[in-house]
Amino acid sequence: MFHLHHLIFLPFFVLFHVVGFLFLAFAAVILTKAFRRRRCGSASRMKERPEATRPARFGNEAFDDYRRATLRKLEAEAEEFRKYLDGLRRAADAAAFEAFLKSRRAENGPAA
């Protein structure tokens, strides 16, 4: 039997189900995108492909030569910078070690 007070709860009932359905649809879209990105768009897999390791050619020989020379120069500068940083680290380590030895000598007193 249908009563008039049922009409009061009808909009809430419909709204609850519509909002629930929209939430499920939104979650399905988000999860589908996440699974697709994980399965197909992995950055580590892109690095393993042979096409990604070949140097790009743009069809303009002058530009390709310039690009190769610039990349060689940048790689050489990067190697120089790595060597410079290694030297700085060694110098800092040597200074810290000398300070440690000096503090140990000061604690033990003069060696006889």
PDB file of N, CA and C in Angstrom:
ATOM      1  N   MET A   1       0.833  -1.172   0.000  1.00  0.00           N
ATOM      2  CA  MET A   1       0.000   0.000   0.000  1.00  0.00           C
ATOM      3  C   MET A   1       0.881   1.239   0.000  1.00  0.00           C
ATOM      4  N   PHE A   2       0.557   2.178  -0.813  1.00  0.00           N
ATOM      5  CA  PHE A   2       1.353   3.383  -0.993  1.00  0.00           C
ATOM      6  C   PHE A   2       0.731   4.517  -0.199  1.00  0.00           C
ATOM      7  N   HIS A   3       1.553   5.180   0.605  1.00  0.00           N
ATOM      8  CA  HIS A   3       1.076   6.312   1.402  1.00  0.00           C
ATOM      9  C   HIS A   3       1.777   7.578   0.939  1.00  0.00           C
ATOM     10  N   LEU A   4       1.221   8.689   1.342  1.00  0.00           N
ATOM     11  CA  LEU A   4       1.739   9.987   0.943  1.00  0.00           C
ATOM     12  C   LEU A   4       3.139  10.235   1.527  1.00  0.00           C
ATOM     13  N   HIS A   5       3.415   9.746   2.730  1.00  0.00           N
ATOM     14  CA  HIS A   5       4.729   9.982   3.328  1.00  0.00           C
ATOM     15  C   HIS A   5       5.840   9.230   2.589  1.00  0.00           C
ATOM     16  N   HIS A   6       5.517   8.270   1.743  1.00  0.00           N
ATOM     17  CA  HIS A   6       6.526   7.606   0.924  1.00  0.00           C
ATOM     18  C   HIS A   6       7.117   8.566  -0.106  1.00  0.00           C
ATOM     19  N   LEU A   7       6.334   9.547  -0.535  1.00  0.00           N
ATOM     20  CA  LEU A   7       6.827  10.526  -1.504  1.00  0.00           C
ATOM     21  C   LEU A   7       7.957  11.381  -0.931  1.00  0.00           C
ATOM     22  N   ILE A   8       7.995  11.513   0.379  1.00  0.00           N
ATOM     23  CA  ILE A   8       9.049  12.312   1.012  1.00  0.00           C
ATOM     24  C   ILE A   8      10.399  11.614   0.843  1.00  0.00           C
ATOM     25  N   PHE A   9      10.424  10.299   0.989  1.00  0.00           N
ATOM     26  CA  PHE A   9      11.675   9.562   0.936  1.00  0.00           C
ATOM     27  C   PHE A   9      12.090   9.163  -0.472  1.00  0.00           C
ATOM     28  N   LEU A  10      11.193   9.269  -1.431  1.00  0.00           N
ATOM     29  CA  LEU A  10      11.496   8.871  -2.801  1.00  0.00           C
ATOM     30  C   LEU A  10      12.664   9.652  -3.412  1.00  0.00           C
ATOM     31  N   PRO A  11      12.732  10.999  -3.285  1.00  0.00           N
ATOM     32  CA  PRO A  11      13.892  11.717  -3.867  1.00  0.00           C
ATOM     33  C   PRO A  11      15.218  11.296  -3.239  1.00  0.00           C
ATOM     34  N   PHE A  12      15.228  11.051  -1.931  1.00  0.00           N
ATOM     35  CA  PHE A  12      16.471  10.619  -1.278  1.00  0.00           C
ATOM     36  C   PHE A  12      16.890   9.240  -1.775  1.00  0.00           C
ATOM     37  N   PHE A  13      15.937   8.367  -1.940  1.00  0.00           N
ATOM     38  CA  PHE A  13      16.202   7.023  -2.438  1.00  0.00           C
ATOM     39  C   PHE A  13      16.803   7.080  -3.838  1.00  0.00           C
ATOM     40  N   VAL A  14      16.207   7.865  -4.726  1.00  0.00           N
ATOM     41  CA  VAL A  14      16.698   7.996  -6.106  1.00  0.00           C
ATOM     42  C   VAL A  14      18.062   8.670  -6.110  1.00  0.00           C
ATOM     43  N   LEU A  15      18.227   9.740  -5.340  1.00  0.00           N
ATOM     44  CA  LEU A  15      19.495  10.469  -5.288  1.00  0.00           C
ATOM     45  C   LEU A  15      20.615   9.554  -4.785  1.00  0.00           C
ATOM     46  N   PHE A  16      20.339   8.764  -3.761  1.00  0.00           N
ATOM     47  CA  PHE A  16      21.339   7.853  -3.216  1.00  0.00           C
ATOM     48  C   PHE A  16      21.829   6.883  -4.281  1.00  0.00           C
ATOM     49  N   HIS A  17      20.933   6.320  -5.048  1.00  0.00           N
ATOM     50  CA  HIS A  17      21.325   5.351  -6.061  1.00  0.00           C
ATOM     51  C   HIS A  17      22.043   6.005  -7.242  1.00  0.00           C
ATOM     52  N   VAL A  18      21.612   7.197  -7.622  1.00  0.00           N
ATOM     53  CA  VAL A  18      22.275   7.890  -8.730  1.00  0.00           C
ATOM     54  C   VAL A  18      23.697   8.269  -8.339  1.00  0.00           C
ATOM     55  N   VAL A  19      23.864   8.820  -7.141  1.00  0.00           N
ATOM     56  CA  VAL A  19      25.208   9.206  -6.681  1.00  0.00           C
ATOM     57  C   VAL A  19      26.092   7.961  -6.543  1.00  0.00           C
ATOM     58  N   GLY A  20      25.550   6.878  -6.040  1.00  0.00           N
ATOM     59  CA  GLY A  20      26.319   5.643  -5.929  1.00  0.00           C
ATOM     60  C   GLY A  20      26.755   5.123  -7.279  1.00  0.00           C
ATOM     61  N   PHE A  21      25.866   5.147  -8.255  1.00  0.00           N
ATOM     62  CA  PHE A  21      26.210   4.703  -9.605  1.00  0.00           C
ATOM     63  C   PHE A  21      27.293   5.594 -10.216  1.00  0.00           C
ATOM     64  N   LEU A  22      27.181   6.918 -10.048  1.00  0.00           N
ATOM     65  CA  LEU A  22      28.195   7.833 -10.582  1.00  0.00           C
ATOM     66  C   LEU A  22      29.557   7.578  -9.925  1.00  0.00           C
ATOM     67  N   PHE A  23      29.554   7.312  -8.626  1.00  0.00           N
ATOM     68  CA  PHE A  23      30.806   7.012  -7.939  1.00  0.00           C
ATOM     69  C   PHE A  23      31.446   5.740  -8.493  1.00  0.00           C
ATOM     70  N   LEU A  24      30.655   4.714  -8.695  1.00  0.00           N
ATOM     71  CA  LEU A  24      31.199   3.472  -9.249  1.00  0.00           C
ATOM     72  C   LEU A  24      31.742   3.664 -10.657  1.00  0.00           C
ATOM     73  N   ALA A  25      31.030   4.445 -11.471  1.00  0.00           N
ATOM     74  CA  ALA A  25      31.495   4.698 -12.836  1.00  0.00           C
ATOM     75  C   ALA A  25      32.811   5.477 -12.813  1.00  0.00           C
ATOM     76  N   PHE A  26      32.906   6.492 -11.958  1.00  0.00           N
ATOM     77  CA  PHE A  26      34.127   7.289 -11.842  1.00  0.00           C
ATOM     78  C   PHE A  26      35.290   6.407 -11.378  1.00  0.00           C
ATOM     79  N   ALA A  27      35.063   5.567 -10.383  1.00  0.00           N
ATOM     80  CA  ALA A  27      36.114   4.673  -9.890  1.00  0.00           C
ATOM     81  C   ALA A  27      36.561   3.703 -10.984  1.00  0.00           C
ATOM     82  N   ALA A  28      35.618   3.206 -11.774  1.00  0.00           N
ATOM     83  CA  ALA A  28      35.973   2.278 -12.853  1.00  0.00           C
ATOM     84  C   ALA A  28      36.851   2.966 -13.886  1.00  0.00           C
ATOM     85  N   VAL A  29      36.541   4.204 -14.241  1.00  0.00           N
ATOM     86  CA  VAL A  29      37.344   4.936 -15.220  1.00  0.00           C
ATOM     87  C   VAL A  29      38.749   5.176 -14.678  1.00  0.00           C
ATOM     88  N   ILE A  30      38.849   5.609 -13.443  1.00  0.00           N
ATOM     89  CA  ILE A  30      40.166   5.887 -12.842  1.00  0.00           C
ATOM     90  C   ILE A  30      40.993   4.605 -12.757  1.00  0.00           C
ATOM     91  N   LEU A  31      40.389   3.516 -12.302  1.00  0.00           N
ATOM     92  CA  LEU A  31      41.141   2.261 -12.189  1.00  0.00           C
ATOM     93  C   LEU A  31      41.547   1.720 -13.548  1.00  0.00           C
ATOM     94  N   THR A  32      40.700   1.872 -14.544  1.00  0.00           N
ATOM     95  CA  THR A  32      41.046   1.417 -15.886  1.00  0.00           C
ATOM     96  C   THR A  32      42.255   2.173 -16.415  1.00  0.00           C
ATOM     97  N   LYS A  33      42.266   3.485 -16.210  1.00  0.00           N
ATOM     98  CA  LYS A  33      43.417   4.286 -16.656  1.00  0.00           C
ATOM     99  C   LYS A  33      44.683   3.885 -15.909  1.00  0.00           C
ATOM    100  N   ALA A  34      44.570   3.639 -14.610  1.00  0.00           N
ATOM    101  CA  ALA A  34      45.746   3.263 -13.824  1.00  0.00           C
ATOM    102  C   ALA A  34      46.299   1.920 -14.285  1.00  0.00           C
ATOM    103  N   PHE A  35      45.435   0.939 -14.518  1.00  0.00           N
ATOM    104  CA  PHE A  35      45.909  -0.370 -14.981  1.00  0.00           C
ATOM    105  C   PHE A  35      46.518  -0.276 -16.370  1.00  0.00           C
ATOM    106  N   ARG A  36      45.901   0.509 -17.239  1.00  0.00           N
ATOM    107  CA  ARG A  36      46.431   0.655 -18.594  1.00  0.00           C
ATOM    108  C   ARG A  36      47.799   1.324 -18.554  1.00  0.00           C
ATOM    109  N   ARG A  37      47.951   2.352 -17.713  1.00  0.00           N
ATOM    110  CA  ARG A  37      49.227   3.057 -17.611  1.00  0.00           C
ATOM    111  C   ARG A  37      50.298   2.119 -17.062  1.00  0.00           C
ATOM    112  N   ARG A  38      49.941   1.309 -16.077  1.00  0.00           N
ATOM    113  CA  ARG A  38      50.917   0.394 -15.487  1.00  0.00           C
ATOM    114  C   ARG A  38      51.322  -0.686 -16.477  1.00  0.00           C
ATOM    115  N   ARG A  39      50.360  -1.191 -17.244  1.00  0.00           N
ATOM    116  CA  ARG A  39      50.642  -2.299 -18.147  1.00  0.00           C
ATOM    117  C   ARG A  39      51.335  -1.846 -19.424  1.00  0.00           C
ATOM    118  N   CYS A  40      50.957  -0.695 -19.967  1.00  0.00           N
ATOM    119  CA  CYS A  40      51.450  -0.295 -21.284  1.00  0.00           C
ATOM    120  C   CYS A  40      52.492   0.808 -21.239  1.00  0.00           C
ATOM    121  N   GLY A  41      52.422   1.699 -20.293  1.00  0.00           N
ATOM    122  CA  GLY A  41      53.256   2.890 -20.344  1.00  0.00           C
ATOM    123  C   GLY A  41      54.396   2.913 -19.368  1.00  0.00           C
ATOM    124  N   SER A  42      54.922   1.783 -19.015  1.00  0.00           N
ATOM    125  CA  SER A  42      56.007   1.741 -18.053  1.00  0.00           C
ATOM    126  C   SER A  42      57.259   2.376 -18.641  1.00  0.00           C
ATOM    127  N   ALA A  43      57.874   3.263 -17.880  1.00  0.00           N
ATOM    128  CA  ALA A  43      59.074   3.956 -18.361  1.00  0.00           C
ATOM    129  C   ALA A  43      60.243   2.991 -18.504  1.00  0.00           C
ATOM    130  N   SER A  44      60.320   1.992 -17.631  1.00  0.00           N
ATOM    131  CA  SER A  44      61.438   1.050 -17.732  1.00  0.00           C
ATOM    132  C   SER A  44      61.328   0.215 -19.002  1.00  0.00           C
ATOM    133  N   ARG A  45      60.116  -0.117 -19.412  1.00  0.00           N
ATOM    134  CA  ARG A  45      59.954  -0.871 -20.653  1.00  0.00           C
ATOM    135  C   ARG A  45      60.304  -0.022 -21.864  1.00  0.00           C
ATOM    136  N   MET A  46      60.039   1.275 -21.772  1.00  0.00           N
ATOM    137  CA  MET A  46      60.367   2.151 -22.895  1.00  0.00           C
ATOM    138  C   MET A  46      61.874   2.202 -23.103  1.00  0.00           C
ATOM    139  N   LYS A  47      62.649   2.117 -22.012  1.00  0.00           N
ATOM    140  CA  LYS A  47      64.104   2.157 -22.135  1.00  0.00           C
ATOM    141  C   LYS A  47      64.645   0.870 -22.727  1.00  0.00           C
ATOM    142  N   GLU A  48      63.916  -0.225 -22.563  1.00  0.00           N
ATOM    143  CA  GLU A  48      64.399  -1.506 -23.056  1.00  0.00           C
ATOM    144  C   GLU A  48      64.174  -1.676 -24.559  1.00  0.00           C
ATOM    145  N   ARG A  49      63.315  -0.871 -25.123  1.00  0.00           N
ATOM    146  CA  ARG A  49      63.019  -1.001 -26.546  1.00  0.00           C
ATOM    147  C   ARG A  49      64.222  -0.552 -27.377  1.00  0.00           C
ATOM    148  N   PRO A  50      64.529  -1.261 -28.428  1.00  0.00           N
ATOM    149  CA  PRO A  50      65.675  -0.860 -29.246  1.00  0.00           C
ATOM    150  C   PRO A  50      65.449   0.476 -29.952  1.00  0.00           C
ATOM    151  N   GLU A  51      64.193   0.817 -30.260  1.00  0.00           N
ATOM    152  CA  GLU A  51      63.941   2.095 -30.939  1.00  0.00           C
ATOM    153  C   GLU A  51      64.335   3.264 -30.052  1.00  0.00           C
ATOM    154  N   ALA A  52      64.190   3.092 -28.732  1.00  0.00           N
ATOM    155  CA  ALA A  52      64.497   4.186 -27.816  1.00  0.00           C
ATOM    156  C   ALA A  52      66.000   4.392 -27.676  1.00  0.00           C
ATOM    157  N   THR A  53      66.815   3.370 -27.989  1.00  0.00           N
ATOM    158  CA  THR A  53      68.254   3.509 -27.824  1.00  0.00           C
ATOM    159  C   THR A  53      68.939   4.051 -29.072  1.00  0.00           C
ATOM    160  N   ARG A  54      68.267   3.956 -30.208  1.00  0.00           N
ATOM    161  CA  ARG A  54      68.867   4.484 -31.432  1.00  0.00           C
ATOM    162  C   ARG A  54      68.781   5.999 -31.439  1.00  0.00           C
ATOM    163  N   PRO A  55      69.836   6.678 -31.909  1.00  0.00           N
ATOM    164  CA  PRO A  55      69.767   8.136 -31.974  1.00  0.00           C
ATOM    165  C   PRO A  55      68.749   8.567 -33.025  1.00  0.00           C
ATOM    166  N   ALA A  56      68.046   9.613 -32.692  1.00  0.00           N
ATOM    167  CA  ALA A  56      67.026  10.116 -33.613  1.00  0.00           C
ATOM    168  C   ALA A  56      67.696  10.802 -34.799  1.00  0.00           C
ATOM    169  N   ARG A  57      67.137  10.607 -35.962  1.00  0.00           N
ATOM    170  CA  ARG A  57      67.621  11.293 -37.154  1.00  0.00           C
ATOM    171  C   ARG A  57      66.488  12.176 -37.633  1.00  0.00           C
ATOM    172  N   PHE A  58      66.848  13.400 -37.952  1.00  0.00           N
ATOM    173  CA  PHE A  58      65.832  14.371 -38.334  1.00  0.00           C
ATOM    174  C   PHE A  58      65.811  14.641 -39.832  1.00  0.00           C
ATOM    175  N   GLY A  59      66.696  13.998 -40.576  1.00  0.00           N
ATOM    176  CA  GLY A  59      66.680  14.165 -42.022  1.00  0.00           C
ATOM    177  C   GLY A  59      67.565  15.296 -42.522  1.00  0.00           C
ATOM    178  N   ASN A  60      67.968  16.182 -41.662  1.00  0.00           N
ATOM    179  CA  ASN A  60      68.840  17.285 -42.035  1.00  0.00           C
ATOM    180  C   ASN A  60      70.235  16.931 -41.551  1.00  0.00           C
ATOM    181  N   GLU A  61      71.131  16.645 -42.489  1.00  0.00           N
ATOM    182  CA  GLU A  61      72.472  16.181 -42.133  1.00  0.00           C
ATOM    183  C   GLU A  61      73.237  17.208 -41.315  1.00  0.00           C
ATOM    184  N   ALA A  62      73.089  18.475 -41.644  1.00  0.00           N
ATOM    185  CA  ALA A  62      73.801  19.519 -40.901  1.00  0.00           C
ATOM    186  C   ALA A  62      73.324  19.538 -39.448  1.00  0.00           C
ATOM    187  N   PHE A  63      72.031  19.452 -39.255  1.00  0.00           N
ATOM    188  CA  PHE A  63      71.493  19.443 -37.889  1.00  0.00           C
ATOM    189  C   PHE A  63      71.918  18.184 -37.153  1.00  0.00           C
ATOM    190  N   ASP A  64      71.884  17.041 -37.839  1.00  0.00           N
ATOM    191  CA  ASP A  64      72.296  15.792 -37.191  1.00  0.00           C
ATOM    192  C   ASP A  64      73.764  15.856 -36.755  1.00  0.00           C
ATOM    193  N   ASP A  65      74.640  16.422 -37.610  1.00  0.00           N
ATOM    194  CA  ASP A  65      76.051  16.574 -37.249  1.00  0.00           C
ATOM    195  C   ASP A  65      76.212  17.495 -36.044  1.00  0.00           C
ATOM    196  N   TYR A  66      75.498  18.628 -36.070  1.00  0.00           N
ATOM    197  CA  TYR A  66      75.551  19.585 -34.963  1.00  0.00           C
ATOM    198  C   TYR A  66      75.063  18.918 -33.674  1.00  0.00           C
ATOM    199  N   ARG A  67      73.998  18.163 -33.781  1.00  0.00           N
ATOM    200  CA  ARG A  67      73.428  17.492 -32.620  1.00  0.00           C
ATOM    201  C   ARG A  67      74.414  16.471 -32.037  1.00  0.00           C
ATOM    202  N   ARG A  68      75.036  15.674 -32.899  1.00  0.00           N
ATOM    203  CA  ARG A  68      76.012  14.694 -32.429  1.00  0.00           C
ATOM    204  C   ARG A  68      77.209  15.380 -31.759  1.00  0.00           C
ATOM    205  N   ALA A  69      77.696  16.452 -32.362  1.00  0.00           N
ATOM    206  CA  ALA A  69      78.843  17.168 -31.787  1.00  0.00           C
ATOM    207  C   ALA A  69      78.469  17.782 -30.435  1.00  0.00           C
ATOM    208  N   THR A  70      77.290  18.350 -30.348  1.00  0.00           N
ATOM    209  CA  THR A  70      76.846  18.957 -29.089  1.00  0.00           C
ATOM    210  C   THR A  70      76.685  17.898 -28.007  1.00  0.00           C
ATOM    211  N   LEU A  71      76.116  16.756 -28.365  1.00  0.00           N
ATOM    212  CA  LEU A  71      75.961  15.689 -27.375  1.00  0.00           C
ATOM    213  C   LEU A  71      77.309  15.163 -26.901  1.00  0.00           C
ATOM    214  N   ARG A  72      78.273  15.026 -27.827  1.00  0.00           N
ATOM    215  CA  ARG A  72      79.618  14.597 -27.428  1.00  0.00           C
ATOM    216  C   ARG A  72      80.243  15.605 -26.472  1.00  0.00           C
ATOM    217  N   LYS A  73      80.086  16.888 -26.796  1.00  0.00           N
ATOM    218  CA  LYS A  73      80.648  17.944 -25.949  1.00  0.00           C
ATOM    219  C   LYS A  73      80.001  17.924 -24.560  1.00  0.00           C
ATOM    220  N   LEU A  74      78.690  17.754 -24.509  1.00  0.00           N
ATOM    221  CA  LEU A  74      77.998  17.717 -23.217  1.00  0.00           C
ATOM    222  C   LEU A  74      78.403  16.487 -22.399  1.00  0.00           C
ATOM    223  N   GLU A  75      78.597  15.354 -23.065  1.00  0.00           N
ATOM    224  CA  GLU A  75      79.038  14.165 -22.346  1.00  0.00           C
ATOM    225  C   GLU A  75      80.447  14.361 -21.789  1.00  0.00           C
ATOM    226  N   ALA A  76      81.328  15.005 -22.568  1.00  0.00           N
ATOM    227  CA  ALA A  76      82.683  15.271 -22.088  1.00  0.00           C
ATOM    228  C   ALA A  76      82.652  16.231 -20.896  1.00  0.00           C
ATOM    229  N   GLU A  77      81.821  17.267 -20.964  1.00  0.00           N
ATOM    230  CA  GLU A  77      81.709  18.213 -19.856  1.00  0.00           C
ATOM    231  C   GLU A  77      81.139  17.530 -18.621  1.00  0.00           C
ATOM    232  N   ALA A  78      80.172  16.632 -18.814  1.00  0.00           N
ATOM    233  CA  ALA A  78      79.597  15.911 -17.681  1.00  0.00           C
ATOM    234  C   ALA A  78      80.652  15.035 -17.020  1.00  0.00           C
ATOM    235  N   GLU A  79      81.494  14.396 -17.814  1.00  0.00           N
ATOM    236  CA  GLU A  79      82.552  13.557 -17.258  1.00  0.00           C
ATOM    237  C   GLU A  79      83.566  14.406 -16.492  1.00  0.00           C
ATOM    238  N   GLU A  80      83.912  15.568 -17.054  1.00  0.00           N
ATOM    239  CA  GLU A  80      84.826  16.482 -16.346  1.00  0.00           C
ATOM    240  C   GLU A  80      84.229  16.909 -15.020  1.00  0.00           C
ATOM    241  N   PHE A  81      82.939  17.224 -15.031  1.00  0.00           N
ATOM    242  CA  PHE A  81      82.279  17.672 -13.814  1.00  0.00           C
ATOM    243  C   PHE A  81      82.240  16.556 -12.776  1.00  0.00           C
ATOM    244  N   ARG A  82      82.005  15.310 -13.211  1.00  0.00           N
ATOM    245  CA  ARG A  82      82.020  14.181 -12.280  1.00  0.00           C
ATOM    246  C   ARG A  82      83.402  14.027 -11.643  1.00  0.00           C
ATOM    247  N   LYS A  83      84.456  14.178 -12.461  1.00  0.00           N
ATOM    248  CA  LYS A  83      85.812  14.089 -11.929  1.00  0.00           C
ATOM    249  C   LYS A  83      86.088  15.210 -10.937  1.00  0.00           C
ATOM    250  N   TYR A  84      85.615  16.417 -11.244  1.00  0.00           N
ATOM    251  CA  TYR A  84      85.778  17.558 -10.344  1.00  0.00           C
ATOM    252  C   TYR A  84      85.074  17.305  -9.017  1.00  0.00           C
ATOM    253  N   LEU A  85      83.849  16.776  -9.073  1.00  0.00           N
ATOM    254  CA  LEU A  85      83.114  16.468  -7.844  1.00  0.00           C
ATOM    255  C   LEU A  85      83.819  15.383  -7.038  1.00  0.00           C
ATOM    256  N   ASP A  86      84.378  14.387  -7.721  1.00  0.00           N
ATOM    257  CA  ASP A  86      85.135  13.352  -7.014  1.00  0.00           C
ATOM    258  C   ASP A  86      86.339  13.953  -6.297  1.00  0.00           C
ATOM    259  N   GLY A  87      87.026  14.876  -6.973  1.00  0.00           N
ATOM    260  CA  GLY A  87      88.162  15.557  -6.343  1.00  0.00           C
ATOM    261  C   GLY A  87      87.727  16.353  -5.121  1.00  0.00           C
ATOM    262  N   LEU A  88      86.595  17.045  -5.226  1.00  0.00           N
ATOM    263  CA  LEU A  88      86.094  17.795  -4.067  1.00  0.00           C
ATOM    264  C   LEU A  88      85.749  16.853  -2.912  1.00  0.00           C
ATOM    265  N   ARG A  89      85.141  15.729  -3.234  1.00  0.00           N
ATOM    266  CA  ARG A  89      84.794  14.770  -2.176  1.00  0.00           C
ATOM    267  C   ARG A  89      86.051  14.221  -1.506  1.00  0.00           C
ATOM    268  N   ARG A  90      87.058  13.905  -2.329  1.00  0.00           N
ATOM    269  CA  ARG A  90      88.305  13.392  -1.759  1.00  0.00           C
ATOM    270  C   ARG A  90      88.970  14.433  -0.875  1.00  0.00           C
ATOM    271  N   ALA A  91      88.959  15.697  -1.321  1.00  0.00           N
ATOM    272  CA  ALA A  91      89.561  16.767  -0.521  1.00  0.00           C
ATOM    273  C   ALA A  91      88.807  16.954   0.788  1.00  0.00           C
ATOM    274  N   ALA A  92      87.478  16.903   0.729  1.00  0.00           N
ATOM    275  CA  ALA A  92      86.689  17.047   1.953  1.00  0.00           C
ATOM    276  C   ALA A  92      86.938  15.869   2.893  1.00  0.00           C
ATOM    277  N   ASP A  93      87.021  14.662   2.321  1.00  0.00           N
ATOM    278  CA  ASP A  93      87.307  13.488   3.154  1.00  0.00           C
ATOM    279  C   ASP A  93      88.685  13.597   3.784  1.00  0.00           C
ATOM    280  N   ALA A  94      89.664  14.043   3.004  1.00  0.00           N
ATOM    281  CA  ALA A  94      91.029  14.179   3.529  1.00  0.00           C
ATOM    282  C   ALA A  94      91.062  15.220   4.645  1.00  0.00           C
ATOM    283  N   ALA A  95      90.354  16.337   4.458  1.00  0.00           N
ATOM    284  CA  ALA A  95      90.326  17.372   5.490  1.00  0.00           C
ATOM    285  C   ALA A  95      89.650  16.857   6.756  1.00  0.00           C
ATOM    286  N   ALA A  96      88.550  16.117   6.598  1.00  0.00           N
ATOM    287  CA  ALA A  96      87.866  15.559   7.760  1.00  0.00           C
ATOM    288  C   ALA A  96      88.759  14.546   8.469  1.00  0.00           C
ATOM    289  N   PHE A  97      89.493  13.737   7.710  1.00  0.00           N
ATOM    290  CA  PHE A  97      90.377  12.753   8.310  1.00  0.00           C
ATOM    291  C   PHE A  97      91.524  13.432   9.049  1.00  0.00           C
ATOM    292  N   GLU A  98      92.089  14.461   8.460  1.00  0.00           N
ATOM    293  CA  GLU A  98      93.176  15.208   9.124  1.00  0.00           C
ATOM    294  C   GLU A  98      92.670  15.850  10.412  1.00  0.00           C
ATOM    295  N   ALA A  99      91.453  16.397  10.384  1.00  0.00           N
ATOM    296  CA  ALA A  99      90.881  16.989  11.599  1.00  0.00           C
ATOM    297  C   ALA A  99      90.682  15.913  12.666  1.00  0.00           C
ATOM    298  N   PHE A 100      90.249  14.726  12.254  1.00  0.00           N
ATOM    299  CA  PHE A 100      90.075  13.620  13.199  1.00  0.00           C
ATOM    300  C   PHE A 100      91.414  13.236  13.821  1.00  0.00           C
ATOM    301  N   LEU A 101      92.438  13.100  12.962  1.00  0.00           N
ATOM    302  CA  LEU A 101      93.758  12.745  13.495  1.00  0.00           C
ATOM    303  C   LEU A 101      94.279  13.825  14.441  1.00  0.00           C
ATOM    304  N   LYS A 102      94.083  15.076  14.098  1.00  0.00           N
ATOM    305  CA  LYS A 102      94.544  16.170  14.944  1.00  0.00           C
ATOM    306  C   LYS A 102      93.837  16.137  16.292  1.00  0.00           C
ATOM    307  N   SER A 103      92.509  15.855  16.278  1.00  0.00           N
ATOM    308  CA  SER A 103      91.775  15.792  17.550  1.00  0.00           C
ATOM    309  C   SER A 103      92.229  14.587  18.380  1.00  0.00           C
ATOM    310  N   ARG A 104      92.541  13.480  17.733  1.00  0.00           N
ATOM    311  CA  ARG A 104      93.028  12.297  18.459  1.00  0.00           C
ATOM    312  C   ARG A 104      94.394  12.567  19.097  1.00  0.00           C
ATOM    313  N   ARG A 105      95.245  13.257  18.332  1.00  0.00           N
ATOM    314  CA  ARG A 105      96.566  13.598  18.880  1.00  0.00           C
ATOM    315  C   ARG A 105      96.437  14.540  20.053  1.00  0.00           C
ATOM    316  N   ALA A 106      95.476  15.484  19.965  1.00  0.00           N
ATOM    317  CA  ALA A 106      95.282  16.440  21.051  1.00  0.00           C
ATOM    318  C   ALA A 106      94.746  15.712  22.296  1.00  0.00           C
ATOM    319  N   GLU A 107      93.902  14.706  22.134  1.00  0.00           N
ATOM    320  CA  GLU A 107      93.354  13.948  23.275  1.00  0.00           C
ATOM    321  C   GLU A 107      94.432  13.100  23.939  1.00  0.00           C
ATOM    322  N   ASN A 108      95.280  12.468  23.146  1.00  0.00           N
ATOM    323  CA  ASN A 108      96.280  11.557  23.692  1.00  0.00           C
ATOM    324  C   ASN A 108      97.523  12.271  24.200  1.00  0.00           C
ATOM    325  N   GLY A 109      97.667  13.501  23.837  1.00  0.00           N
ATOM    326  CA  GLY A 109      98.857  14.237  24.247  1.00  0.00           C
ATOM    327  C   GLY A 109      99.990  13.985  23.274  1.00  0.00           C
ATOM    328  N   PRO A 110     101.114  14.626  23.467  1.00  0.00           N
ATOM    329  CA  PRO A 110     102.241  14.430  22.543  1.00  0.00           C
ATOM    330  C   PRO A 110     102.787  13.009  22.629  1.00  0.00           C
ATOM    331  N   ALA A 111     103.112  12.505  21.479  1.00  0.00           N
ATOM    332  CA  ALA A 111     103.656  11.150  21.425  1.00  0.00           C
ATOM    333  C   ALA A 111     105.111  11.162  21.872  1.00  0.00           C
ATOM    334  N   ALA A 112     105.501  10.199  22.704  1.00  0.00           N
ATOM    335  CA  ALA A 112     106.864  10.180  23.221  1.00  0.00           C
ATOM    336  C   ALA A 112     107.737   9.269  22.413  1.00  0.00           C
TER     337      ALA A 112
END
